[in-house]
C-alpha atoms as a PDB file:
ATOM      1  CA  UNK A   1      -1.602  18.457  10.382  1.00  0.00           C
ATOM      2  CA  UNK A   2      -3.542  16.248   7.863  1.00  0.00           C
ATOM      3  CA  UNK A   3      -7.164  15.267   8.885  1.00  0.00           C
ATOM      4  CA  UNK A   4      -6.307  11.775   7.988  1.00  0.00           C
ATOM      5  CA  UNK A   5      -4.821  12.355  11.783  1.00  0.00           C
ATOM      6  CA  UNK A   6      -7.934  11.746  13.342  1.00  0.00           C
ATOM      7  CA  UNK A   7      -9.365   9.379  10.655  1.00  0.00           C
ATOM      8  CA  UNK A   8      -6.601   7.593  12.025  1.00  0.00           C
ATOM      9  CA  UNK A   9      -6.176   7.418  15.182  1.00  0.00           C
ATOM     10  CA  UNK A  10      -9.683   7.174  15.458  1.00  0.00           C
ATOM     11  CA  UNK A  11      -9.796   4.064  13.112  1.00  0.00           C
ATOM     12  CA  UNK A  12      -6.367   2.833  15.478  1.00  0.00           C
ATOM     13  CA  UNK A  13      -8.650   3.177  19.099  1.00  0.00           C
ATOM     14  CA  UNK A  14     -11.333   1.869  18.243  1.00  0.00           C
ATOM     15  CA  UNK A  15      -9.810  -2.294  17.423  1.00  0.00           C
ATOM     16  CA  UNK A  16      -8.660  -2.033  21.245  1.00  0.00           C
ATOM     17  CA  UNK A  17     -10.854  -2.529  23.799  1.00  0.00           C
ATOM     18  CA  UNK A  18     -10.420  -0.989  27.176  1.00  0.00           C
ATOM     19  CA  UNK A  19      -9.751  -5.045  28.144  1.00  0.00           C
ATOM     20  CA  UNK A  20      -6.487  -5.146  26.901  1.00  0.00           C
ATOM     21  CA  UNK A  21      -4.933  -2.345  27.820  1.00  0.00           C
ATOM     22  CA  UNK A  22      -5.804  -2.912  32.093  1.00  0.00           C
ATOM     23  CA  UNK A  23      -9.192  -0.785  32.147  1.00  0.00           C
ATOM     24  CA  UNK A  24     -12.674  -1.421  33.685  1.00  0.00           C
ATOM     25  CA  UNK A  25     -15.081  -1.154  30.556  1.00  0.00           C
ATOM     26  CA  UNK A  26     -17.954   0.372  32.944  1.00  0.00           C
ATOM     27  CA  UNK A  27     -20.972   1.745  31.493  1.00  0.00           C
ATOM     28  CA  UNK A  28     -22.880   2.179  27.940  1.00  0.00           C
ATOM     29  CA  UNK A  29     -20.544   2.862  25.108  1.00  0.00           C
ATOM     30  CA  UNK A  30     -21.688   4.727  22.141  1.00  0.00           C
ATOM     31  CA  UNK A  31     -19.241   3.308  20.175  1.00  0.00           C
ATOM     32  CA  UNK A  32     -16.247   0.312  19.931  1.00  0.00           C
ATOM     33  CA  UNK A  33     -12.388   0.577  21.465  1.00  0.00           C
ATOM     34  CA  UNK A  34     -10.927   3.002  23.339  1.00  0.00           C
ATOM     35  CA  UNK A  35     -12.629   6.520  24.114  1.00  0.00           C
ATOM     36  CA  UNK A  36     -10.213   9.280  23.601  1.00  0.00           C
ATOM     37  CA  UNK A  37     -10.040  10.238  27.553  1.00  0.00           C
ATOM     38  CA  UNK A  38      -8.705   6.632  28.054  1.00  0.00           C
ATOM     39  CA  UNK A  39      -6.322   6.857  25.661  1.00  0.00           C
ATOM     40  CA  UNK A  40      -4.756  10.679  26.347  1.00  0.00           C
ATOM     41  CA  UNK A  41      -4.299   8.976  30.289  1.00  0.00           C
ATOM     42  CA  UNK A  42      -2.700   6.001  29.336  1.00  0.00           C
ATOM     43  CA  UNK A  43      -0.475   7.780  26.478  1.00  0.00           C
ATOM     44  CA  UNK A  44       0.456   9.880  30.222  1.00  0.00           C
ATOM     45  CA  UNK A  45      -1.196  13.762  28.061  1.00  0.00           C
ATOM     46  CA  UNK A  46      -4.170  15.577  28.835  1.00  0.00           C
ATOM     47  CA  UNK A  47      -7.121  14.786  27.387  1.00  0.00           C
ATOM     48  CA  UNK A  48      -7.372  18.590  26.074  1.00  0.00           C
ATOM     49  CA  UNK A  49      -3.909  17.840  24.998  1.00  0.00           C
ATOM     50  CA  UNK A  50      -5.168  14.328  22.516  1.00  0.00           C
ATOM     51  CA  UNK A  51      -8.164  15.656  21.621  1.00  0.00           C
ATOM     52  CA  UNK A  52      -6.394  18.694  19.785  1.00  0.00           C
ATOM     53  CA  UNK A  53      -4.332  16.261  18.677  1.00  0.00           C
ATOM     54  CA  UNK A  54      -7.160  13.795  17.244  1.00  0.00           C
ATOM     55  CA  UNK A  55      -8.721  17.119  16.115  1.00  0.00           C
ATOM     56  CA  UNK A  56      -5.987  18.731  13.656  1.00  0.00           C
ATOM     57  CA  UNK A  57      -5.488  21.502  15.829  1.00  0.00           C
ATOM     58  CA  UNK A  58      -2.413  20.479  18.317  1.00  0.00           C
ATOM     59  CA  UNK A  59       0.614  22.025  18.843  1.00  0.00           C
ATOM     60  CA  UNK A  60       3.731  20.161  16.864  1.00  0.00           C
ATOM     61  CA  UNK A  61       3.658  16.925  18.770  1.00  0.00           C
ATOM     62  CA  UNK A  62       7.186  14.917  20.449  1.00  0.00           C
ATOM     63  CA  UNK A  63       8.171  11.566  19.290  1.00  0.00           C
ATOM     64  CA  UNK A  64       7.844  10.733  23.440  1.00  0.00           C
ATOM     65  CA  UNK A  65       3.907  11.316  22.736  1.00  0.00           C
ATOM     66  CA  UNK A  66       3.858  10.024  19.996  1.00  0.00           C
ATOM     67  CA  UNK A  67       5.811   6.365  20.358  1.00  0.00           C
ATOM     68  CA  UNK A  68       3.268   6.950  24.090  1.00  0.00           C
ATOM     69  CA  UNK A  69       0.621   6.667  21.369  1.00  0.00           C
ATOM     70  CA  UNK A  70       1.787   3.881  18.905  1.00  0.00           C
ATOM     71  CA  UNK A  71       1.884   2.302  22.110  1.00  0.00           C
ATOM     72  CA  UNK A  72      -0.888   2.617  23.729  1.00  0.00           C
ATOM     73  CA  UNK A  73      -3.077   1.682  20.134  1.00  0.00           C
ATOM     74  CA  UNK A  74      -0.466  -0.911  19.808  1.00  0.00           C
ATOM     75  CA  UNK A  75       0.783  -0.196  16.851  1.00  0.00           C
ATOM     76  CA  UNK A  76       2.870  -2.042  14.737  1.00  0.00           C
ATOM     77  CA  UNK A  77       6.061  -0.547  12.995  1.00  0.00           C
ATOM     78  CA  UNK A  78       4.449   0.594   9.982  1.00  0.00           C
ATOM     79  CA  UNK A  79       1.226   2.072  11.955  1.00  0.00           C
ATOM     80  CA  UNK A  80       4.069   3.319  14.195  1.00  0.00           C
ATOM     81  CA  UNK A  81       5.925   4.884  10.422  1.00  0.00           C
ATOM     82  CA  UNK A  82       2.838   6.421   9.309  1.00  0.00           C
ATOM     83  CA  UNK A  83       1.212   8.059  12.858  1.00  0.00           C
ATOM     84  CA  UNK A  84       4.653   9.953  12.901  1.00  0.00           C
ATOM     85  CA  UNK A  85       4.206  11.500   8.796  1.00  0.00           C
ATOM     86  CA  UNK A  86       0.964  12.578   9.091  1.00  0.00           C
ATOM     87  CA  UNK A  87       1.320  13.770  12.347  1.00  0.00           C
ATOM     88  CA  UNK A  88       4.165  16.255  11.118  1.00  0.00           C
ATOM     89  CA  UNK A  89       3.763  16.148   7.543  1.00  0.00           C
ATOM     90  CA  UNK A  90       6.557  17.306   5.153  1.00  0.00           C
ATOM     91  CA  UNK A  91       4.739  20.216   2.276  1.00  0.00           C
ATOM     92  CA  UNK A  92       6.019  18.434  -0.726  1.00  0.00           C
ATOM     93  CA  UNK A  93       5.571  19.686  -4.181  1.00  0.00           C
ATOM     94  CA  UNK A  94       3.263  16.921  -6.610  1.00  0.00           C
ATOM     95  CA  UNK A  95       4.883  15.806  -9.499  1.00  0.00           C
ATOM     96  CA  UNK A  96       3.722  16.629 -11.844  1.00  0.00           C
ATOM     97  CA  UNK A  97       2.530  14.506 -14.636  1.00  0.00           C
ATOM     98  CA  UNK A  98       5.090  11.923 -16.700  1.00  0.00           C
ATOM     99  CA  UNK A  99       7.053  13.118 -14.279  1.00  0.00           C
ATOM    100  CA  UNK A 100       8.736   9.214 -13.094  1.00  0.00           C
ATOM    101  CA  UNK A 101      11.187   8.197 -14.786  1.00  0.00           C
ATOM    102  CA  UNK A 102      13.356   4.406 -14.143  1.00  0.00           C
ATOM    103  CA  UNK A 103      17.069   5.132 -14.769  1.00  0.00           C
ATOM    104  CA  UNK A 104      18.512   3.218 -17.632  1.00  0.00           C
ATOM    105  CA  UNK A 105      21.293   0.704 -14.829  1.00  0.00           C
ATOM    106  CA  UNK A 106      16.853  -0.583 -13.344  1.00  0.00           C
ATOM    107  CA  UNK A 107      15.719  -1.307 -16.642  1.00  0.00           C
ATOM    108  CA  UNK A 108      18.710  -3.070 -17.465  1.00  0.00           C
ATOM    109  CA  UNK A 109      18.625  -5.260 -14.226  1.00  0.00           C
ATOM    110  CA  UNK A 110      14.435  -6.202 -15.464  1.00  0.00           C
ATOM    111  CA  UNK A 111      15.823  -7.918 -18.795  1.00  0.00           C
ATOM    112  CA  UNK A 112      18.637  -9.834 -17.457  1.00  0.00           C
ATOM    113  CA  UNK A 113      15.506 -11.316 -14.621  1.00  0.00           C
ATOM    114  CA  UNK A 114      15.116 -14.087 -17.483  1.00  0.00           C
ATOM    115  CA  UNK A 115      12.738 -16.644 -15.378  1.00  0.00           C
ATOM    116  CA  UNK A 116      11.458 -14.945 -12.399  1.00  0.00           C
ATOM    117  CA  UNK A 117       8.365 -12.155 -13.345  1.00  0.00           C
ATOM    118  CA  UNK A 118       9.667  -8.445 -11.992  1.00  0.00           C
ATOM    119  CA  UNK A 119       8.053  -5.032 -12.575  1.00  0.00           C
ATOM    120  CA  UNK A 120       9.287  -1.430 -10.934  1.00  0.00           C
ATOM    121  CA  UNK A 121       6.472   0.245  -8.800  1.00  0.00           C
ATOM    122  CA  UNK A 122       6.432   4.288  -8.427  1.00  0.00           C
ATOM    123  CA  UNK A 123       3.823   6.477  -7.022  1.00  0.00           C
ATOM    124  CA  UNK A 124       1.058   5.921  -6.499  1.00  0.00           C
ATOM    125  CA  UNK A 125       1.566   2.025  -7.360  1.00  0.00           C
ATOM    126  CA  UNK A 126       2.253   3.302 -10.776  1.00  0.00           C
ATOM    127  CA  UNK A 127       3.507   0.756 -13.499  1.00  0.00           C
ATOM    128  CA  UNK A 128       6.848   1.555 -14.534  1.00  0.00           C
ATOM    129  CA  UNK A 129       8.343  -0.522 -16.604  1.00  0.00           C
ATOM    130  CA  UNK A 130       8.937  -4.531 -16.397  1.00  0.00           C
ATOM    131  CA  UNK A 131       9.678  -7.891 -17.566  1.00  0.00           C
ATOM    132  CA  UNK A 132       8.939 -10.278 -19.719  1.00  0.00           C
ATOM    133  CA  UNK A 133       7.769 -12.273 -17.780  1.00  0.00           C
ATOM    134  CA  UNK A 134       6.004  -9.623 -15.831  1.00  0.00           C
ATOM    135  CA  UNK A 135       3.851  -8.870 -18.747  1.00  0.00           C
ATOM    136  CA  UNK A 136       3.292 -12.141 -19.670  1.00  0.00           C
ATOM    137  CA  UNK A 137       1.697 -12.475 -16.315  1.00  0.00           C
ATOM    138  CA  UNK A 138      -0.160  -9.438 -15.865  1.00  0.00           C
ATOM    139  CA  UNK A 139      -0.516  -7.995 -19.286  1.00  0.00           C
ATOM    140  CA  UNK A 140       1.211  -4.534 -18.188  1.00  0.00           C
ATOM    141  CA  UNK A 141       2.062  -3.892 -22.445  1.00  0.00           C
ATOM    142  CA  UNK A 142      -1.933  -4.359 -23.330  1.00  0.00           C
ATOM    143  CA  UNK A 143      -3.124  -1.956 -20.614  1.00  0.00           C
ATOM    144  CA  UNK A 144      -4.072   2.049 -21.657  1.00  0.00           C
ATOM    145  CA  UNK A 145      -0.665   4.093 -20.546  1.00  0.00           C
ATOM    146  CA  UNK A 146      -2.483   6.399 -18.220  1.00  0.00           C
ATOM    147  CA  UNK A 147      -3.952   2.695 -16.291  1.00  0.00           C
ATOM    148  CA  UNK A 148      -1.481   0.946 -15.784  1.00  0.00           C
ATOM    149  CA  UNK A 149      -1.241   1.525 -12.186  1.00  0.00           C
ATOM    150  CA  UNK A 150      -2.445  -1.747  -9.735  1.00  0.00           C
ATOM    151  CA  UNK A 151      -5.082  -0.235  -7.963  1.00  0.00           C
ATOM    152  CA  UNK A 152      -6.526   0.374 -11.095  1.00  0.00           C
ATOM    153  CA  UNK A 153      -6.305  -3.066 -12.313  1.00  0.00           C
ATOM    154  CA  UNK A 154      -7.309  -4.226  -9.177  1.00  0.00           C
ATOM    155  CA  UNK A 155     -10.179  -2.528  -8.488  1.00  0.00           C
ATOM    156  CA  UNK A 156     -11.078  -1.039 -12.041  1.00  0.00           C
ATOM    157  CA  UNK A 157     -10.513  -4.075 -13.990  1.00  0.00           C
ATOM    158  CA  UNK A 158     -12.966  -7.276 -13.624  1.00  0.00           C
ATOM    159  CA  UNK A 159     -10.939  -9.788 -14.753  1.00  0.00           C
ATOM    160  CA  UNK A 160      -8.248  -9.032 -12.280  1.00  0.00           C
ATOM    161  CA  UNK A 161     -11.178 -11.013  -9.985  1.00  0.00           C
ATOM    162  CA  UNK A 162     -10.155 -14.277 -11.766  1.00  0.00           C
ATOM    163  CA  UNK A 163      -6.828 -12.940 -11.919  1.00  0.00           C
ATOM    164  CA  UNK A 164      -5.666 -13.671  -8.335  1.00  0.00           C
ATOM    165  CA  UNK A 165      -8.209 -16.525  -5.977  1.00  0.00           C
ATOM    166  CA  UNK A 166      -6.998 -13.801  -3.278  1.00  0.00           C
ATOM    167  CA  UNK A 167      -8.623 -10.903  -4.493  1.00  0.00           C
ATOM    168  CA  UNK A 168     -10.121  -9.805  -1.059  1.00  0.00           C
ATOM    169  CA  UNK A 169      -6.500 -10.174   0.318  1.00  0.00           C
ATOM    170  CA  UNK A 170      -4.800  -7.988  -2.445  1.00  0.00           C
ATOM    171  CA  UNK A 171      -7.406  -5.298  -2.310  1.00  0.00           C
ATOM    172  CA  UNK A 172      -6.724  -4.756   1.355  1.00  0.00           C
ATOM    173  CA  UNK A 173      -2.892  -5.430   0.620  1.00  0.00           C
ATOM    174  CA  UNK A 174      -3.670  -2.459  -1.739  1.00  0.00           C
ATOM    175  CA  UNK A 175      -5.088  -0.369  -0.315  1.00  0.00           C
ATOM    176  CA  UNK A 176      -3.429  -0.177   2.840  1.00  0.00           C
ATOM    177  CA  UNK A 177      -0.438   0.744   0.571  1.00  0.00           C
ATOM    178  CA  UNK A 178      -1.658   2.775  -1.197  1.00  0.00           C
ATOM    179  CA  UNK A 179      -2.544   4.877   1.953  1.00  0.00           C
ATOM    180  CA  UNK A 180       1.184   4.416   2.948  1.00  0.00           C
ATOM    181  CA  UNK A 181       1.818   6.477  -0.284  1.00  0.00           C
ATOM    182  CA  UNK A 182      -0.526   8.956   0.701  1.00  0.00           C
ATOM    183  CA  UNK A 183       0.688   9.649   4.541  1.00  0.00           C
ATOM    184  CA  UNK A 184       4.448  10.018   2.963  1.00  0.00           C
ATOM    185  CA  UNK A 185       3.178  12.730   0.194  1.00  0.00           C
ATOM    186  CA  UNK A 186       0.065  14.359   1.298  1.00  0.00           C
ATOM    187  CA  UNK A 187       0.215  16.651  -1.727  1.00  0.00           C
ATOM    188  CA  UNK A 188      -0.022  14.819  -4.074  1.00  0.00           C
ATOM    189  CA  UNK A 189      -3.521  16.231  -6.831  1.00  0.00           C
ATOM    190  CA  UNK A 190      -2.421  13.113  -8.604  1.00  0.00           C
ATOM    191  CA  UNK A 191      -2.999  10.912  -5.741  1.00  0.00           C
ATOM    192  CA  UNK A 192      -5.945  12.494  -4.438  1.00  0.00           C
ATOM    193  CA  UNK A 193      -7.938  12.575  -8.092  1.00  0.00           C
ATOM    194  CA  UNK A 194      -6.615   8.232  -7.846  1.00  0.00           C
ATOM    195  CA  UNK A 195      -8.433   7.897  -4.856  1.00  0.00           C
ATOM    196  CA  UNK A 196     -11.614   9.852  -5.666  1.00  0.00           C
ATOM    197  CA  UNK A 197     -11.809   8.125  -8.891  1.00  0.00           C
ATOM    198  CA  UNK A 198     -11.188   4.876  -7.366  1.00  0.00           C
ATOM    199  CA  UNK A 199     -14.375   5.506  -4.596  1.00  0.00           C
ATOM    200  CA  UNK A 200     -16.713   6.741  -6.499  1.00  0.00           C
ATOM    201  CA  UNK A 201     -16.312   4.263  -9.159  1.00  0.00           C
ATOM    202  CA  UNK A 202     -15.995   1.207  -6.011  1.00  0.00           C
ATOM    203  CA  UNK A 203     -18.035   0.332  -3.029  1.00  0.00           C
ATOM    204  CA  UNK A 204     -14.459  -1.845  -2.321  1.00  0.00           C
ATOM    205  CA  UNK A 205     -12.324   0.456  -2.661  1.00  0.00           C
ATOM    206  CA  UNK A 206     -14.408   3.345  -0.378  1.00  0.00           C
ATOM    207  CA  UNK A 207     -15.231   0.830   2.457  1.00  0.00           C
ATOM    208  CA  UNK A 208     -11.160  -0.393   2.770  1.00  0.00           C
ATOM    209  CA  UNK A 209     -10.768   3.535   1.877  1.00  0.00           C
ATOM    210  CA  UNK A 210     -12.380   4.461   5.042  1.00  0.00           C
ATOM    211  CA  UNK A 211     -10.359   1.454   7.183  1.00  0.00           C
ATOM    212  CA  UNK A 212      -7.656   3.595   7.170  1.00  0.00           C
ATOM    213  CA  UNK A 213      -5.200   0.207   7.104  1.00  0.00           C
ATOM    214  CA  UNK A 214      -1.383   0.674   5.806  1.00  0.00           C
ATOM    215  CA  UNK A 215       1.362  -1.364   5.071  1.00  0.00           C
ATOM    216  CA  UNK A 216       4.351  -1.249   3.385  1.00  0.00           C
ATOM    217  CA  UNK A 217       5.107  -3.198   0.319  1.00  0.00           C
ATOM    218  CA  UNK A 218       8.135  -5.984   1.252  1.00  0.00           C
ATOM    219  CA  UNK A 219       7.207  -9.715   0.654  1.00  0.00           C
ATOM    220  CA  UNK A 220       4.758 -12.339   0.288  1.00  0.00           C
ATOM    221  CA  UNK A 221       3.391 -14.451  -1.135  1.00  0.00           C
ATOM    222  CA  UNK A 222       0.472 -13.831  -3.605  1.00  0.00           C
ATOM    223  CA  UNK A 223      -1.564 -16.470  -5.916  1.00  0.00           C
ATOM    224  CA  UNK A 224      -2.312 -15.669  -9.695  1.00  0.00           C
ATOM    225  CA  UNK A 225      -4.772 -17.904 -11.446  1.00  0.00           C
ATOM    226  CA  UNK A 226      -3.014 -17.408 -15.265  1.00  0.00           C
ATOM    227  CA  UNK A 227      -5.391 -17.855 -18.320  1.00  0.00           C
ATOM    228  CA  UNK A 228      -2.807 -19.958 -20.114  1.00  0.00           C
ATOM    229  CA  UNK A 229      -0.467 -21.638 -17.274  1.00  0.00           C
ATOM    230  CA  UNK A 230      -3.340 -21.746 -14.410  1.00  0.00           C
ATOM    231  CA  UNK A 231      -2.985 -21.339 -11.009  1.00  0.00           C
ATOM    232  CA  UNK A 232       0.779 -19.869  -9.532  1.00  0.00           C
ATOM    233  CA  UNK A 233       2.177 -19.321  -6.472  1.00  0.00           C
ATOM    234  CA  UNK A 234       4.270 -16.927  -6.321  1.00  0.00           C
ATOM    235  CA  UNK A 235       6.739 -15.678  -3.027  1.00  0.00           C
ATOM    236  CA  UNK A 236       8.167 -12.041  -4.194  1.00  0.00           C
ATOM    237  CA  UNK A 237      10.584  -9.893  -2.756  1.00  0.00           C
ATOM    238  CA  UNK A 238      10.563  -5.916  -3.037  1.00  0.00           C
ATOM    239  CA  UNK A 239      13.363  -3.967  -3.286  1.00  0.00           C
ATOM    240  CA  UNK A 240      13.851  -0.181  -3.392  1.00  0.00           C
ATOM    241  CA  UNK A 241      15.577   1.932  -5.683  1.00  0.00           C
ATOM    242  CA  UNK A 242      19.006   2.954  -4.253  1.00  0.00           C
ATOM    243  CA  UNK A 243      18.687   6.879  -5.632  1.00  0.00           C
ATOM    244  CA  UNK A 244      14.905   7.056  -5.420  1.00  0.00           C
ATOM    245  CA  UNK A 245      12.926   6.563  -2.303  1.00  0.00           C
ATOM    246  CA  UNK A 246       9.768   6.461  -5.070  1.00  0.00           C
ATOM    247  CA  UNK A 247      10.747   3.545  -6.425  1.00  0.00           C
ATOM    248  CA  UNK A 248      10.407  -0.342  -5.899  1.00  0.00           C
ATOM    249  CA  UNK A 249      11.137  -3.318  -7.855  1.00  0.00           C
ATOM    250  CA  UNK A 250       9.101  -6.378  -6.732  1.00  0.00           C
ATOM    251  CA  UNK A 251      10.091  -9.772  -8.100  1.00  0.00           C
ATOM    252  CA  UNK A 252       8.522 -13.011  -8.539  1.00  0.00           C
ATOM    253  CA  UNK A 253      10.518 -15.913  -6.954  1.00  0.00           C
ATOM    254  CA  UNK A 254       9.004 -19.428  -7.926  1.00  0.00           C
ATOM    255  CA  UNK A 255      10.236 -21.813  -6.196  1.00  0.00           C
ATOM    256  CA  UNK A 256      12.786 -24.099  -8.133  1.00  0.00           C
ATOM    257  CA  UNK A 257      11.547 -27.488  -9.270  1.00  0.00           C
ATOM    258  CA  UNK A 258       8.096 -26.090  -7.700  1.00  0.00           C
ATOM    259  CA  UNK A 259       5.376 -26.676 -10.524  1.00  0.00           C
ATOM    260  CA  UNK A 260       5.022 -23.005 -10.390  1.00  0.00           C
ATOM    261  CA  UNK A 261       7.868 -22.810 -11.723  1.00  0.00           C
ATOM    262  CA  UNK A 262       7.753 -25.320 -14.691  1.00  0.00           C
ATOM    263  CA  UNK A 263       4.541 -23.357 -15.101  1.00  0.00           C
ATOM    264  CA  UNK A 264       6.535 -19.584 -15.456  1.00  0.00           C
ATOM    265  CA  UNK A 265       9.378 -21.395 -17.327  1.00  0.00           C
ATOM    266  CA  UNK A 266       6.252 -22.550 -20.272  1.00  0.00           C
ATOM    267  CA  UNK A 267       5.006 -18.951 -19.863  1.00  0.00           C
ATOM    268  CA  UNK A 268       8.625 -17.686 -20.539  1.00  0.00           C
ATOM    269  CA  UNK A 269       8.741 -19.938 -23.293  1.00  0.00           C
ATOM    270  CA  UNK A 270       6.494 -18.270 -25.271  1.00  0.00           C
ATOM    271  CA  UNK A 271       6.831 -15.194 -27.879  1.00  0.00           C
ATOM    272  CA  UNK A 272       8.115 -12.115 -25.872  1.00  0.00           C
ATOM    273  CA  UNK A 273       6.084  -8.519 -25.968  1.00  0.00           C
ATOM    274  CA  UNK A 274       8.587  -5.057 -25.208  1.00  0.00           C
ATOM    275  CA  UNK A 275       9.953  -5.097 -21.419  1.00  0.00           C
ATOM    276  CA  UNK A 276       8.858  -1.794 -20.783  1.00  0.00           C
ATOM    277  CA  UNK A 277       6.781   1.480 -22.521  1.00  0.00           C
ATOM    278  CA  UNK A 278       8.483   3.974 -24.721  1.00  0.00           C
ATOM    279  CA  UNK A 279       9.777   6.701 -23.620  1.00  0.00           C
END
């Protein structure tokens, strides 16, 4: 089992107070939240079994036990799925550098989106392709190829804090999605290298990574303060790429008739950069 399992369980039980699950908080507690024996009691397993599970020394764990622990720790759907993934990690060969490819049909789809900024994310939140508006919005084509990665952009580019007025929320969501990717690909050496570099160079990343939040990237709203057209309020949708579960298409969808839609149209009228990197 991956060491992240124990860290994840400890972080989740730390946020649950005994009173929330019907227990009396007797005595002074050295650490916040539920004790291991309390989680074991509420989940219906022995204390020794739960301790070995949290320490990564337990046997193969059943869905029934994981479901019970998820119920006790009040995990949401994404956290529950992550628990199952890290409790029973599937060993996968690490993808070689440069192995990610966007199929031609998906690139063509990007180019047909002329009124909505869009881009394709791959493993480790690498930015694999984009359309003209996506580039005009974020500036992917101006980034060195090795730096076209959302966590790098958010945490290592100083301009990101000006680009995203809600930078703290964007940073937390980015780390939570990257943590989810790490659970799906425990043997990804490039991901381990990325996390190590970001941890060394960014105190904010290191703090957020240690918090073990996980979140899928499905839909939401992002504010962007663009240097040319001003502030944009952009709802977004994330669509899985059929045939490649490690890729997703992110599309910003300005509300028709809104001030943001007018500003995006102005952005679209400016000279366009190439829609995707060569190769």
